[in-house]
C-alpha atoms as a PDB file:
ATOM      1  CA  MET A   1      -0.124  -0.108  -0.062  1.00  0.00           C
ATOM      2  CA  LYS A   2       1.391   3.570  -0.944  1.00  0.00           C
ATOM      3  CA  GLU A   3       2.383   5.152   2.114  1.00  0.00           C
ATOM      4  CA  ILE A   4       2.155   8.684   0.743  1.00  0.00           C
ATOM      5  CA  LYS A   5      -0.798  10.273   0.109  1.00  0.00           C
ATOM      6  CA  LYS A   6      -1.012  13.820  -0.935  1.00  0.00           C
ATOM      7  CA  LEU A   7      -3.671  15.737   2.084  1.00  0.00           C
ATOM      8  CA  PHE A   8      -4.576  18.371  -0.150  1.00  0.00           C
ATOM      9  CA  LEU A   9      -4.589  19.019  -4.004  1.00  0.00           C
ATOM     10  CA  PHE A  10      -4.617  22.571  -5.217  1.00  0.00           C
ATOM     11  CA  ILE A  11      -6.063  22.473  -8.736  1.00  0.00           C
ATOM     12  CA  PHE A  12      -6.932  25.765  -9.619  1.00  0.00           C
ATOM     13  CA  ILE A  13      -9.159  25.809 -12.972  1.00  0.00           C
ATOM     14  CA  PHE A  14     -10.889  28.776 -13.970  1.00  0.00           C
ATOM     15  CA  PHE A  15     -14.411  28.760 -15.841  1.00  0.00           C
ATOM     16  CA  SER A  16     -16.525  31.054 -18.140  1.00  0.00           C
ATOM     17  CA  VAL A  17     -20.160  30.545 -19.170  1.00  0.00           C
ATOM     18  CA  LEU A  18     -18.736  33.028 -21.869  1.00  0.00           C
ATOM     19  CA  GLY A  19     -16.331  30.317 -23.780  1.00  0.00           C
ATOM     20  CA  PHE A  20     -16.872  27.255 -25.216  1.00  0.00           C
ATOM     21  CA  GLY A  21     -17.906  23.769 -24.232  1.00  0.00           C
ATOM     22  CA  GLU A  22     -14.369  21.772 -23.758  1.00  0.00           C
ATOM     23  CA  GLU A  23     -13.391  19.001 -21.742  1.00  0.00           C
ATOM     24  CA  VAL A  24     -10.267  18.827 -19.546  1.00  0.00           C
ATOM     25  CA  LYS A  25      -8.711  15.588 -17.751  1.00  0.00           C
ATOM     26  CA  GLU A  26      -6.757  15.330 -15.300  1.00  0.00           C
ATOM     27  CA  LYS A  27      -3.984  13.167 -14.059  1.00  0.00           C
ATOM     28  CA  GLU A  28      -5.344  10.521 -11.377  1.00  0.00           C
ATOM     29  CA  TYR A  29      -6.446  10.787  -7.638  1.00  0.00           C
ATOM     30  CA  TYR A  30      -6.260   8.392  -5.104  1.00  0.00           C
ATOM     31  CA  VAL A  31      -9.364   7.671  -2.566  1.00  0.00           C
ATOM     32  CA  GLY A  32      -9.666   9.676   0.142  1.00  0.00           C
ATOM     33  CA  ASP A  33      -7.178  12.211  -1.563  1.00  0.00           C
ATOM     34  CA  ARG A  34      -8.668  15.864  -1.086  1.00  0.00           C
ATOM     35  CA  ILE A  35      -9.324  18.440  -3.926  1.00  0.00           C
ATOM     36  CA  THR A  36      -9.757  21.433  -4.209  1.00  0.00           C
ATOM     37  CA  LEU A  37     -11.353  23.865  -7.260  1.00  0.00           C
ATOM     38  CA  LYS A  38     -11.123  27.261  -7.712  1.00  0.00           C
ATOM     39  CA  ILE A  39     -14.604  28.268  -9.770  1.00  0.00           C
ATOM     40  CA  SER A  40     -15.295  31.456 -11.456  1.00  0.00           C
ATOM     41  CA  GLY A  41     -18.069  32.396 -13.494  1.00  0.00           C
ATOM     42  CA  ASP A  42     -21.974  32.951 -13.223  1.00  0.00           C
ATOM     43  CA  ILE A  43     -22.051  30.256 -11.137  1.00  0.00           C
ATOM     44  CA  LYS A  44     -24.483  29.313  -7.906  1.00  0.00           C
ATOM     45  CA  GLU A  45     -23.303  27.560  -5.074  1.00  0.00           C
ATOM     46  CA  GLU A  46     -26.007  24.834  -5.621  1.00  0.00           C
ATOM     47  CA  GLU A  47     -25.097  24.287  -8.640  1.00  0.00           C
ATOM     48  CA  ILE A  48     -21.661  23.451  -7.470  1.00  0.00           C
ATOM     49  CA  LYS A  49     -23.412  21.345  -4.759  1.00  0.00           C
ATOM     50  CA  GLN A  50     -25.117  19.504  -7.271  1.00  0.00           C
ATOM     51  CA  SER A  51     -22.794  18.987  -9.813  1.00  0.00           C
ATOM     52  CA  LEU A  52     -20.491  17.279  -6.748  1.00  0.00           C
ATOM     53  CA  GLU A  53     -23.586  14.980  -5.540  1.00  0.00           C
ATOM     54  CA  GLU A  54     -21.093  12.120  -6.158  1.00  0.00           C
ATOM     55  CA  PHE A  55     -18.676  13.404  -3.981  1.00  0.00           C
ATOM     56  CA  LYS A  56     -17.680  13.953  -0.880  1.00  0.00           C
ATOM     57  CA  ILE A  57     -17.507  17.912  -0.123  1.00  0.00           C
ATOM     58  CA  TYR A  58     -15.230  19.361   3.074  1.00  0.00           C
ATOM     59  CA  SER A  59     -15.848  22.816   2.301  1.00  0.00           C
ATOM     60  CA  LEU A  60     -17.244  25.591   0.003  1.00  0.00           C
ATOM     61  CA  ASP A  61     -16.359  29.239   0.941  1.00  0.00           C
ATOM     62  CA  LYS A  62     -17.258  32.102  -1.714  1.00  0.00           C
ATOM     63  CA  THR A  63     -14.157  34.150  -2.052  1.00  0.00           C
ATOM     64  CA  LYS A  64     -14.437  38.627  -1.931  1.00  0.00           C
ATOM     65  CA  ASN A  65     -14.027  38.505  -5.865  1.00  0.00           C
ATOM     66  CA  SER A  66     -17.347  36.441  -6.310  1.00  0.00           C
ATOM     67  CA  SER A  67     -15.656  32.860  -6.938  1.00  0.00           C
ATOM     68  CA  TYR A  68     -15.693  29.885  -4.882  1.00  0.00           C
ATOM     69  CA  ILE A  69     -13.520  27.168  -3.519  1.00  0.00           C
ATOM     70  CA  VAL A  70     -14.365  24.025  -3.152  1.00  0.00           C
ATOM     71  CA  THR A  71     -12.776  21.114  -1.645  1.00  0.00           C
ATOM     72  CA  PHE A  72     -13.809  17.792  -1.750  1.00  0.00           C
ATOM     73  CA  GLY A  73     -12.735  13.776  -2.270  1.00  0.00           C
ATOM     74  CA  SER A  74     -13.975  10.689  -3.082  1.00  0.00           C
ATOM     75  CA  TYR A  75     -14.130   7.153  -1.700  1.00  0.00           C
ATOM     76  CA  ASN A  76     -15.353   5.586  -4.939  1.00  0.00           C
ATOM     77  CA  ILE A  77     -12.956   4.277  -7.527  1.00  0.00           C
ATOM     78  CA  GLY A  78     -13.809   4.859 -11.335  1.00  0.00           C
ATOM     79  CA  GLU A  79     -13.434   8.193 -13.847  1.00  0.00           C
ATOM     80  CA  LYS A  80     -15.452  10.749 -12.372  1.00  0.00           C
ATOM     81  CA  GLU A  81     -17.058  13.398 -14.568  1.00  0.00           C
ATOM     82  CA  ILE A  82     -17.766  16.983 -12.851  1.00  0.00           C
ATOM     83  CA  LEU A  83     -20.286  19.555 -15.241  1.00  0.00           C
ATOM     84  CA  LEU A  84     -19.960  23.207 -14.057  1.00  0.00           C
ATOM     85  CA  GLY A  85     -22.022  25.420 -16.528  1.00  0.00           C
ATOM     86  CA  ASP A  86     -20.056  24.300 -20.167  1.00  0.00           C
ATOM     87  CA  LYS A  87     -17.258  22.667 -18.570  1.00  0.00           C
ATOM     88  CA  LYS A  88     -15.976  18.784 -17.993  1.00  0.00           C
ATOM     89  CA  LEU A  89     -13.657  17.763 -15.872  1.00  0.00           C
ATOM     90  CA  LYS A  90     -12.943  14.182 -15.583  1.00  0.00           C
ATOM     91  CA  LEU A  91     -10.908  12.779 -12.901  1.00  0.00           C
ATOM     92  CA  PRO A  92      -9.801   9.208 -12.459  1.00  0.00           C
ATOM     93  CA  ILE A  93     -10.069   7.957  -8.971  1.00  0.00           C
ATOM     94  CA  VAL A  94      -7.976   5.030  -8.308  1.00  0.00           C
ATOM     95  CA  SER A  95      -6.936   2.886  -5.710  1.00  0.00           C
ATOM     96  CA  THR A  96      -4.513   3.010  -2.969  1.00  0.00           C
ATOM     97  CA  LEU A  97      -3.503  -0.501  -3.321  1.00  0.00           C
ATOM     98  CA  THR A  98      -1.340  -2.030  -5.910  1.00  0.00           C
ATOM     99  CA  ASP A  99      -0.824  -5.447  -8.014  1.00  0.00           C
ATOM    100  CA  GLU A 100       1.686  -6.622  -4.850  1.00  0.00           C
ATOM    101  CA  ASP A 101      -0.993  -5.315  -2.568  1.00  0.00           C
ATOM    102  CA  ARG A 102      -3.796  -7.561  -3.544  1.00  0.00           C
ATOM    103  CA  GLU A 103      -1.653 -10.546  -3.736  1.00  0.00           C
ATOM    104  CA  PRO A 104      -1.475 -12.496  -0.332  1.00  0.00           C
ATOM    105  CA  TYR A 105       1.862 -13.389   1.104  1.00  0.00           C
ATOM    106  CA  LYS A 106       3.938 -15.914  -0.236  1.00  0.00           C
ATOM    107  CA  GLU A 107       3.860 -17.793   3.210  1.00  0.00           C
ATOM    108  CA  LEU A 108       0.176 -17.568   3.826  1.00  0.00           C
ATOM    109  CA  ALA A 109      -0.161 -19.388   0.426  1.00  0.00           C
ATOM    110  CA  ASN A 110       0.925 -22.754   2.325  1.00  0.00           C
ATOM    111  CA  LEU A 111      -1.677 -23.287   5.115  1.00  0.00           C
ATOM    112  CA  GLU A 112       0.283 -25.219   6.941  1.00  0.00           C
ATOM    113  CA  LYS A 113       2.919 -22.540   7.337  1.00  0.00           C
ATOM    114  CA  MET A 114      -0.262 -20.390   8.344  1.00  0.00           C
ATOM    115  CA  TYR A 115       0.871 -21.162  12.417  1.00  0.00           C
ATOM    116  CA  ASP A 116       2.642 -23.210  14.662  1.00  0.00           C
ATOM    117  CA  GLU A 117       0.619 -25.135  16.968  1.00  0.00           C
ATOM    118  CA  LYS A 118       2.154 -24.962  20.787  1.00  0.00           C
ATOM    119  CA  ASP A 119       0.825 -26.417  23.811  1.00  0.00           C
ATOM    120  CA  TYR A 120      -0.088 -23.569  25.754  1.00  0.00           C
ATOM    121  CA  PRO A 121      -0.701 -24.002  29.237  1.00  0.00           C
ATOM    122  CA  TYR A 122      -4.337 -22.947  29.261  1.00  0.00           C
ATOM    123  CA  THR A 123      -5.371 -24.457  31.947  1.00  0.00           C
ATOM    124  CA  ALA A 124      -2.991 -23.156  34.522  1.00  0.00           C
ATOM    125  CA  ILE A 125      -3.141 -19.376  33.090  1.00  0.00           C
ATOM    126  CA  ILE A 126      -6.796 -19.842  33.572  1.00  0.00           C
ATOM    127  CA  LEU A 127      -6.211 -21.227  37.314  1.00  0.00           C
ATOM    128  CA  GLY A 128      -3.204 -18.509  38.036  1.00  0.00           C
ATOM    129  CA  MET A 129      -5.847 -15.208  36.443  1.00  0.00           C
ATOM    130  CA  SER A 130      -8.681 -16.817  38.977  1.00  0.00           C
ATOM    131  CA  GLY A 131      -6.441 -16.638  42.072  1.00  0.00           C
ATOM    132  CA  THR A 132      -4.748 -13.332  40.976  1.00  0.00           C
ATOM    133  CA  THR A 133      -8.562 -11.929  40.947  1.00  0.00           C
ATOM    134  CA  ALA A 134     -10.106 -13.991  44.039  1.00  0.00           C
ATOM    135  CA  MET A 135      -6.944 -12.236  45.828  1.00  0.00           C
ATOM    136  CA  LEU A 136      -7.543  -9.298  45.046  1.00  0.00           C
ATOM    137  CA  LEU A 137     -11.306  -9.204  45.573  1.00  0.00           C
ATOM    138  CA  SER A 138     -10.146 -10.367  49.171  1.00  0.00           C
ATOM    139  CA  ILE A 139      -7.955  -7.491  49.371  1.00  0.00           C
ATOM    140  CA  VAL A 140     -10.657  -5.211  48.399  1.00  0.00           C
ATOM    141  CA  LEU A 141     -13.375  -6.598  51.065  1.00  0.00           C
ATOM    142  CA  PHE A 142     -10.749  -6.633  53.683  1.00  0.00           C
ATOM    143  CA  ILE A 143     -10.255  -3.282  53.125  1.00  0.00           C
ATOM    144  CA  ILE A 144     -14.014  -2.146  52.744  1.00  0.00           C
ATOM    145  CA  ASP A 145     -14.384  -4.248  56.045  1.00  0.00           C
ATOM    146  CA  ARG A 146     -11.636  -1.848  57.686  1.00  0.00           C
ATOM    147  CA  LEU A 147     -13.223   1.343  56.551  1.00  0.00           C
ATOM    148  CA  LYS A 148     -16.325   0.226  58.358  1.00  0.00           C
ATOM    149  CA  ASP A 149     -15.235  -0.946  61.145  1.00  0.00           C
ATOM    150  CA  PRO A 150     -16.411   1.226  64.314  1.00  0.00           C
ATOM    151  CA  TYR A 151     -12.717   0.998  66.096  1.00  0.00           C
ATOM    152  CA  ILE A 152     -10.767   2.404  63.461  1.00  0.00           C
ATOM    153  CA  ILE A 153     -13.862   5.119  62.667  1.00  0.00           C
ATOM    154  CA  PHE A 154     -13.425   6.258  66.758  1.00  0.00           C
ATOM    155  CA  LYS A 155      -9.482   5.744  66.679  1.00  0.00           C
ATOM    156  CA  LYS A 156      -9.446   8.040  63.283  1.00  0.00           C
ATOM    157  CA  GLY A 157     -11.952  10.749  64.547  1.00  0.00           C
ATOM    158  CA  ILE A 158     -10.249  10.451  68.047  1.00  0.00           C
ATOM    159  CA  THR A 159      -6.525  11.861  66.506  1.00  0.00           C
ATOM    160  CA  LYS A 160      -8.598  14.942  64.747  1.00  0.00           C
ATOM    161  CA  VAL A 161      -9.364  16.087  68.392  1.00  0.00           C
ATOM    162  CA  ASN A 162      -7.863  19.667  69.474  1.00  0.00           C
ATOM    163  CA  GLU A 163      -8.067  22.283  71.595  1.00  0.00           C
ATOM    164  CA  SER A 164     -10.775  23.875  70.204  1.00  0.00           C
ATOM    165  CA  ASN A 165     -13.334  21.084  69.326  1.00  0.00           C
ATOM    166  CA  TRP A 166     -12.699  18.698  72.064  1.00  0.00           C
ATOM    167  CA  LYS A 167     -15.903  19.144  74.163  1.00  0.00           C
ATOM    168  CA  GLU A 168     -17.734  18.293  71.194  1.00  0.00           C
ATOM    169  CA  LYS A 169     -15.636  15.904  69.624  1.00  0.00           C
ATOM    170  CA  VAL A 170     -14.570  13.239  71.854  1.00  0.00           C
ATOM    171  CA  SER A 171     -18.352  13.175  72.782  1.00  0.00           C
ATOM    172  CA  PHE A 172     -19.166  12.403  69.401  1.00  0.00           C
ATOM    173  CA  GLU A 173     -16.817   9.952  68.531  1.00  0.00           C
ATOM    174  CA  LEU A 174     -17.019   8.090  71.791  1.00  0.00           C
ATOM    175  CA  ARG A 175     -21.417   7.821  71.301  1.00  0.00           C
ATOM    176  CA  LYS A 176     -21.246   7.255  67.632  1.00  0.00           C
ATOM    177  CA  TYR A 177     -18.836   3.975  68.523  1.00  0.00           C
ATOM    178  CA  ILE A 178     -21.294   2.529  70.771  1.00  0.00           C
ATOM    179  CA  ASP A 179     -24.056   3.344  68.473  1.00  0.00           C
ATOM    180  CA  GLY A 180     -21.552   1.432  65.994  1.00  0.00           C
ATOM    181  CA  VAL A 181     -21.282  -1.736  68.213  1.00  0.00           C
ATOM    182  CA  TYR A 182     -24.681  -2.444  69.994  1.00  0.00           C
ATOM    183  CA  ASN A 183     -26.756  -0.808  67.414  1.00  0.00           C
ATOM    184  CA  THR A 184     -27.976   1.982  70.075  1.00  0.00           C
ATOM    185  CA  ASN A 185     -28.961   5.430  69.913  1.00  0.00           C
ATOM    186  CA  PHE A 186     -26.585   7.642  72.346  1.00  0.00           C
ATOM    187  CA  LEU A 187     -25.907  10.018  69.089  1.00  0.00           C
ATOM    188  CA  GLY A 188     -29.769  10.789  69.777  1.00  0.00           C
ATOM    189  CA  GLY A 189     -29.373  11.185  73.529  1.00  0.00           C
ATOM    190  CA  ASP A 190     -30.929   8.044  74.407  1.00  0.00           C
ATOM    191  CA  TYR A 191     -28.719   6.682  77.271  1.00  0.00           C
ATOM    192  CA  LYS A 192     -28.780   3.038  78.694  1.00  0.00           C
ATOM    193  CA  LEU A 193     -26.741   0.461  80.738  1.00  0.00           C
ATOM    194  CA  ILE A 194     -25.102  -1.770  78.081  1.00  0.00           C
ATOM    195  CA  SER A 195     -22.527  -4.991  78.408  1.00  0.00           C
ATOM    196  CA  THR A 196     -19.618  -3.033  80.849  1.00  0.00           C
ATOM    197  CA  LEU A 197     -21.023   0.384  80.382  1.00  0.00           C
ATOM    198  CA  THR A 198     -21.744   1.617  84.074  1.00  0.00           C
ATOM    199  CA  THR A 199     -23.750   4.531  85.561  1.00  0.00           C
ATOM    200  CA  SER A 200     -20.356   6.291  85.965  1.00  0.00           C
ATOM    201  CA  ASP A 201     -19.692   6.036  82.273  1.00  0.00           C
ATOM    202  CA  ILE A 202     -23.275   7.565  81.413  1.00  0.00           C
ATOM    203  CA  ASP A 203     -22.901  10.337  83.820  1.00  0.00           C
ATOM    204  CA  PHE A 204     -19.757  10.564  82.060  1.00  0.00           C
ATOM    205  CA  ILE A 205     -21.070  10.919  78.814  1.00  0.00           C
ATOM    206  CA  LYS A 206     -23.546  13.381  80.059  1.00  0.00           C
ATOM    207  CA  LYS A 207     -21.251  15.611  81.663  1.00  0.00           C
ATOM    208  CA  MET A 208     -19.903  15.796  78.083  1.00  0.00           C
ATOM    209  CA  ASP A 209     -22.843  16.726  76.576  1.00  0.00           C
ATOM    210  CA  TYR A 210     -22.825  19.700  79.723  1.00  0.00           C
ATOM    211  CA  LEU A 211     -19.264  20.812  78.380  1.00  0.00           C
ATOM    212  CA  LYS A 212     -20.677  20.473  74.778  1.00  0.00           C
ATOM    213  CA  PHE A 213     -23.609  22.862  75.422  1.00  0.00           C
ATOM    214  CA  ALA A 214     -21.992  25.461  78.152  1.00  0.00           C
ATOM    215  CA  PRO A 215     -19.693  26.623  75.875  1.00  0.00           C
ATOM    216  CA  ASN A 216     -18.599  29.537  78.707  1.00  0.00           C
ATOM    217  CA  ALA A 217     -17.200  26.351  80.893  1.00  0.00           C
ATOM    218  CA  ILE A 218     -14.147  26.930  81.595  1.00  0.00           C
ATOM    219  CA  CYS A 219     -11.478  24.066  81.250  1.00  0.00           C
ATOM    220  CA  SER A 220      -7.898  23.338  81.573  1.00  0.00           C
ATOM    221  CA  ASN A 221      -5.950  21.428  79.169  1.00  0.00           C
ATOM    222  CA  GLU A 222      -5.157  19.222  81.757  1.00  0.00           C
ATOM    223  CA  GLU A 223      -9.114  18.375  81.841  1.00  0.00           C
ATOM    224  CA  SER A 224      -9.536  18.003  78.023  1.00  0.00           C
ATOM    225  CA  SER A 225      -6.818  15.572  77.901  1.00  0.00           C
ATOM    226  CA  GLU A 226      -8.166  13.478  80.554  1.00  0.00           C
ATOM    227  CA  TYR A 227     -11.717  13.559  78.970  1.00  0.00           C
ATOM    228  CA  LYS A 228     -10.151  12.345  75.911  1.00  0.00           C
ATOM    229  CA  ASN A 229      -8.378   9.722  77.505  1.00  0.00           C
ATOM    230  CA  LYS A 230     -11.293   8.974  79.357  1.00  0.00           C
ATOM    231  CA  ALA A 231     -13.006   8.112  76.195  1.00  0.00           C
ATOM    232  CA  ILE A 232     -10.275   6.023  74.690  1.00  0.00           C
ATOM    233  CA  GLU A 233     -10.384   3.813  78.530  1.00  0.00           C
ATOM    234  CA  MET A 234     -14.235   3.254  77.541  1.00  0.00           C
ATOM    235  CA  VAL A 235     -14.042   2.494  74.172  1.00  0.00           C
ATOM    236  CA  GLU A 236     -10.967   0.587  75.057  1.00  0.00           C
ATOM    237  CA  ARG A 237     -13.068  -1.291  77.468  1.00  0.00           C
ATOM    238  CA  LEU A 238     -15.797  -2.131  75.531  1.00  0.00           C
ATOM    239  CA  ARG A 239     -14.156  -3.433  72.156  1.00  0.00           C
ATOM    240  CA  LYS A 240     -12.318  -5.690  74.605  1.00  0.00           C
ATOM    241  CA  GLU A 241     -15.776  -7.031  76.268  1.00  0.00           C
ATOM    242  CA  LYS A 242     -17.212  -7.261  72.738  1.00  0.00           C
ATOM    243  CA  LYS A 243     -14.466  -9.712  71.311  1.00  0.00           C
ATOM    244  CA  ASN A 244     -14.320 -11.860  74.687  1.00  0.00           C
ATOM    245  CA  SER A 245     -17.927 -12.242  74.445  1.00  0.00           C
ATOM    246  CA  VAL A 246     -17.510 -14.013  70.467  1.00  0.00           C
END
């Protein structure tokens, strides 16, 4: 197949309705080549489109001097005729394939040489791919379970506690952990004794609520650390009891 094709072929042919009818034959063009004509004279845009109805028109523009410049091409081989006024233009459209391209490769003519049959380990490859897929799926499911683990969520949230948000953050993370493990409604203020959770623990949570809704309550940095550590101790105790009960 020919590697080099002309993308833009500029042919400037001037037409005049005052001249006598004549036939012009140009050189051959390949399928898909873009052919550009400059058309002058008393001719309308619709006439040009009608004359090129068998071609693919890429552009049709009118110049300042009332001429037209049209770019078109054909994807069908054969000698094409274009009639514009009393002018006739012949454009032979040929294939980009040569005789050599149309002949099969000599080595493919003999069917015995088309391919070499090999004993590939298809079963081993399929089993290996299945095992790899199963392993990746297990890893993804493990990661998803970890992300949903109330304890992991609590540990991540408690690390974001600071001096400006600890009154709300410690209480929120603690109650969210309890609800996530025991299906309770501590976040909604429904406090009740569960598992190893004592009356003292409930009083601690209520005290956190008081601090949360009393922004003017003054607490030292030592006290804020105590509240945070107390919440962590409660979570670790509940987590240990939950593991022992399984």
